Amino acid sequence: MKNLRADGANVHPDCEITESDFGAYSEIGRGSRVAYSVIGDYSYCDRYCDIANADVGRFANIASFVRIGATDHPLDRASLHHFMYRSASYWPDAEDDADWFRARRARRATIGHDTWLGHGAQVKPEVTVGHGAVVASGAVVTKDVAPYQIVAGVPARPVRARLPEAVAGRLIALAWWDWDHARLRAALADFRALSAEAFLEKHGG
């Protein structure tokens, strides 16, 4: 693993990046596609992810083959096919449907801080995955996920809380994900050794 950069993302080979912004120490795995998205500080995705129209918080852990903000097709028209909006690819005298693409990009998916999306999970447009939440491998998230909730299945449903509600609330109030790089380094041993409750007691949450 290469050293990560304070001035942006470490983007691995064979990625497609379109109009996206990357925070400090972020990383984009080989073969991933990121479009019209914001990836927060310290967040990463593993290989072959597809992230579109998404706002990803800090310290998000996104496993390989995850899809966020999966594009959709019109269900209420005579056809589902993209010839209707990618029309310029089919006829030299037709233009792509700019309004369609504008509306699609406005349907943002939101991934909170310190989240974990397991291998092959999907998060649909206009869905929020709350801070500290975990999405199990292969899950398809069609509804908002509460902070520090673990969800699994198709469609994804709550399995259990990752941490007790009171502890989760204190972590959100502490907002350690907003600490600067030096403060994170100073607390590294505590992140490694202490339970969430003990960490909160020591660091004032």
Protein backbone atom coordinates (compact mmCIF):
# COMPACT_ATOMS: atom_id res chain seq x y z
CA MET A 1 0.00 0.00 0.00
CA LYS A 2 1.38 3.37 -1.00
CA ASN A 3 1.56 6.28 1.38
CA LEU A 4 -1.58 8.34 1.02
CA ARG A 5 -1.60 12.01 0.12
CA ALA A 6 -2.61 14.97 2.23
CA ASP A 7 -3.53 16.92 -0.92
CA GLY A 8 -6.06 14.53 -2.44
CA ALA A 9 -6.70 10.97 -3.57
CA ASN A 10 -4.43 8.11 -4.43
CA VAL A 11 -6.19 6.94 -7.61
CA HIS A 12 -5.16 3.46 -8.75
CA PRO A 13 -4.87 2.43 -12.42
CA ASP A 14 -7.78 1.97 -14.81
CA CYS A 15 -10.18 4.27 -12.97
CA GLU A 16 -12.72 6.56 -14.66
CA ILE A 17 -13.17 9.84 -12.81
CA THR A 18 -15.77 12.40 -13.88
CA GLU A 19 -16.30 15.77 -12.18
CA SER A 20 -15.58 14.52 -8.68
CA ASP A 21 -13.74 15.92 -5.66
CA PHE A 22 -11.51 13.98 -3.27
CA GLY A 23 -10.45 14.75 0.27
CA ALA A 24 -7.10 14.31 1.97
CA TYR A 25 -5.77 10.76 2.37
CA SER A 26 -8.56 9.31 0.23
CA GLU A 27 -8.04 6.35 -2.08
CA ILE A 28 -9.81 4.98 -5.15
CA GLY A 29 -9.20 1.31 -5.95
CA ARG A 30 -8.22 -0.11 -9.31
CA GLY A 31 -10.86 -0.10 -12.02
CA SER A 32 -13.36 2.01 -10.09
CA ARG A 33 -15.65 4.58 -11.65
CA VAL A 34 -16.47 7.75 -9.73
CA ALA A 35 -18.78 10.34 -11.29
CA TYR A 36 -20.29 13.59 -9.98
CA SER A 37 -19.36 12.68 -6.41
CA VAL A 38 -17.55 14.03 -3.38
CA ILE A 39 -15.31 11.65 -1.42
CA GLY A 40 -14.38 12.88 2.06
CA ASP A 41 -11.06 12.89 3.86
CA TYR A 42 -9.60 9.43 4.68
CA SER A 43 -12.37 7.63 2.79
CA TYR A 44 -11.53 4.90 0.34
CA CYS A 45 -13.07 2.39 -2.00
CA ASP A 46 -11.49 -0.91 -2.94
CA ARG A 47 -11.36 -2.33 -6.48
CA TYR A 48 -14.06 -1.99 -9.13
CA CYS A 49 -16.51 0.22 -7.31
CA ASP A 50 -19.09 2.33 -9.13
CA ILE A 51 -19.93 5.56 -7.31
CA ALA A 52 -22.19 8.15 -8.92
CA ASN A 53 -24.03 11.22 -7.68
CA ALA A 54 -22.89 10.61 -4.12
CA ASP A 55 -21.66 12.56 -1.12
CA VAL A 56 -19.35 10.34 0.93
CA GLY A 57 -18.28 11.51 4.37
CA ARG A 58 -14.95 11.05 6.11
CA PHE A 59 -13.43 7.67 7.03
CA ALA A 60 -15.86 5.69 4.87
CA ASN A 61 -14.73 2.11 4.24
CA ILE A 62 -16.09 0.93 0.89
CA ALA A 63 -15.27 -2.65 -0.10
CA SER A 64 -14.73 -3.94 -3.64
CA PHE A 65 -17.55 -4.05 -6.20
CA VAL A 66 -19.79 -1.69 -4.22
CA ARG A 67 -22.22 0.44 -6.21
CA ILE A 68 -23.50 3.73 -4.80
CA GLY A 69 -26.11 5.87 -6.52
CA ALA A 70 -26.89 3.27 -9.16
CA THR A 71 -28.46 4.95 -12.15
CA ASP A 72 -32.02 4.06 -13.05
CA HIS A 73 -34.28 3.92 -16.07
CA PRO A 74 -37.68 5.58 -16.60
CA LEU A 75 -40.44 3.20 -15.55
CA ASP A 76 -43.36 5.36 -16.67
CA ARG A 77 -42.49 5.76 -20.36
CA ALA A 78 -43.14 3.61 -23.39
CA SER A 79 -39.57 2.28 -23.21
CA LEU A 80 -36.93 1.72 -20.56
CA HIS A 81 -34.06 2.05 -23.04
CA HIS A 82 -31.44 4.78 -22.91
CA PHE A 83 -31.88 5.70 -26.57
CA MET A 84 -34.35 8.24 -25.17
CA TYR A 85 -31.69 10.17 -23.27
CA ARG A 86 -28.40 9.05 -24.87
CA SER A 87 -29.94 9.89 -28.22
CA ALA A 88 -26.86 11.42 -29.85
CA SER A 89 -25.25 7.98 -29.86
CA TYR A 90 -28.01 6.72 -32.15
CA TRP A 91 -28.88 9.63 -34.46
CA PRO A 92 -26.57 12.38 -35.75
CA ASP A 93 -29.37 14.94 -35.64
CA ALA A 94 -30.48 14.18 -32.04
CA GLU A 95 -29.11 15.60 -28.82
CA ASP A 96 -28.78 13.85 -25.47
CA ASP A 97 -31.54 14.69 -23.00
CA ALA A 98 -29.79 17.18 -20.72
CA ASP A 99 -32.82 17.50 -18.44
CA TRP A 100 -32.82 13.76 -17.78
CA PHE A 101 -29.15 13.75 -16.79
CA ARG A 102 -29.61 16.88 -14.66
CA ALA A 103 -32.47 15.26 -12.75
CA ARG A 104 -30.50 12.03 -12.30
CA ARG A 105 -27.50 13.86 -10.86
CA ALA A 106 -29.72 15.72 -8.41
CA ARG A 107 -30.78 12.43 -6.79
CA ARG A 108 -27.84 12.19 -4.39
CA ALA A 109 -26.88 9.24 -2.23
CA THR A 110 -25.27 10.18 1.09
CA ILE A 111 -22.78 8.03 3.00
CA GLY A 112 -21.98 9.18 6.53
CA HIS A 113 -18.70 9.33 8.41
CA ASP A 114 -16.97 6.15 9.64
CA THR A 115 -19.24 3.82 7.66
CA TRP A 116 -18.51 0.38 6.24
CA LEU A 117 -20.08 -0.88 3.03
CA GLY A 118 -19.37 -4.57 2.48
CA HIS A 119 -18.36 -6.32 -0.74
CA GLY A 120 -20.92 -6.04 -3.52
CA ALA A 121 -23.35 -3.87 -1.57
CA GLN A 122 -25.56 -1.35 -3.37
CA VAL A 123 -26.94 1.96 -2.14
CA LYS A 124 -29.72 3.42 -4.25
CA PRO A 125 -30.14 7.11 -5.15
CA GLU A 126 -31.63 9.46 -2.53
CA VAL A 127 -30.68 7.10 0.31
CA THR A 128 -28.66 8.15 3.37
CA VAL A 129 -26.42 5.74 5.26
CA GLY A 130 -25.94 7.29 8.69
CA HIS A 131 -22.67 7.87 10.54
CA GLY A 132 -21.08 4.70 11.89
CA ALA A 133 -23.47 2.38 10.04
CA VAL A 134 -22.52 -0.96 8.47
CA VAL A 135 -24.01 -2.36 5.25
CA ALA A 136 -23.45 -6.10 4.91
CA SER A 137 -21.95 -7.71 1.82
CA GLY A 138 -24.45 -8.06 -1.00
CA ALA A 139 -27.09 -5.89 0.64
CA VAL A 140 -29.24 -3.57 -1.47
CA VAL A 141 -30.06 -0.42 0.47
CA THR A 142 -33.32 1.17 -0.66
CA LYS A 143 -34.18 3.12 2.52
CA ASP A 144 -32.22 5.32 4.90
CA VAL A 145 -29.99 3.56 7.43
CA ALA A 146 -29.90 5.00 10.94
CA PRO A 147 -26.54 5.95 12.47
CA TYR A 148 -24.62 3.02 13.95
CA GLN A 149 -27.13 0.51 12.55
CA ILE A 150 -26.07 -2.75 10.85
CA VAL A 151 -28.24 -3.72 7.87
CA ALA A 152 -28.24 -6.77 5.62
CA GLY A 153 -30.31 -8.43 2.91
CA VAL A 154 -32.23 -7.60 -0.27
CA PRO A 155 -33.75 -5.19 0.38
CA ALA A 156 -31.55 -4.26 3.35
CA ARG A 157 -33.17 -4.44 6.78
CA PRO A 158 -31.82 -3.68 10.27
CA VAL A 159 -29.98 -6.55 11.92
CA ARG A 160 -28.84 -4.89 15.12
CA ALA A 161 -27.24 -1.75 16.49
CA ARG A 162 -23.48 -1.59 16.06
CA LEU A 163 -23.16 0.17 19.43
CA PRO A 164 -25.66 1.04 22.17
CA GLU A 165 -27.69 4.13 21.34
CA ALA A 166 -26.18 6.19 24.14
CA VAL A 167 -22.62 5.36 23.05
CA ALA A 168 -23.44 6.08 19.42
CA GLY A 169 -24.89 9.45 20.38
CA ARG A 170 -21.78 10.35 22.34
CA LEU A 171 -19.54 9.40 19.40
CA ILE A 172 -21.60 11.58 17.08
CA ALA A 173 -21.30 14.45 19.56
CA LEU A 174 -17.54 13.89 19.88
CA ALA A 175 -17.22 13.97 16.05
CA TRP A 176 -13.69 12.59 16.16
CA TRP A 177 -13.79 12.45 12.34
CA ASP A 178 -13.38 16.22 12.36
CA TRP A 179 -10.10 16.06 14.28
CA ASP A 180 -6.99 17.20 12.46
CA HIS A 181 -4.31 14.77 11.31
CA ALA A 182 -2.01 15.46 14.27
CA ARG A 183 -4.76 14.88 16.82
CA LEU A 184 -5.72 11.61 15.16
CA ARG A 185 -2.07 10.51 15.37
CA ALA A 186 -1.89 11.44 19.03
CA ALA A 187 -4.97 9.31 19.76
CA LEU A 188 -3.92 6.38 17.56
CA ALA A 189 -2.97 4.12 20.46
CA ASP A 190 -6.34 4.75 22.08
CA PHE A 191 -8.24 4.03 18.85
CA ARG A 192 -6.41 0.71 18.73
CA ALA A 193 -6.62 -0.35 22.37
CA LEU A 194 -9.76 1.11 23.94
CA SER A 195 -13.40 0.14 23.65
CA ALA A 196 -15.72 2.81 22.32
CA GLU A 197 -16.91 3.56 25.86
CA ALA A 198 -13.37 3.84 27.23
CA PHE A 199 -12.34 6.01 24.32
CA LEU A 200 -15.23 8.37 25.05
CA GLU A 201 -14.32 8.54 28.73
CA LYS A 202 -10.73 9.47 27.91
CA HIS A 203 -11.44 11.91 25.11
CA GLY A 204 -14.36 13.75 26.59
CA GLY A 205 -17.28 12.44 24.60
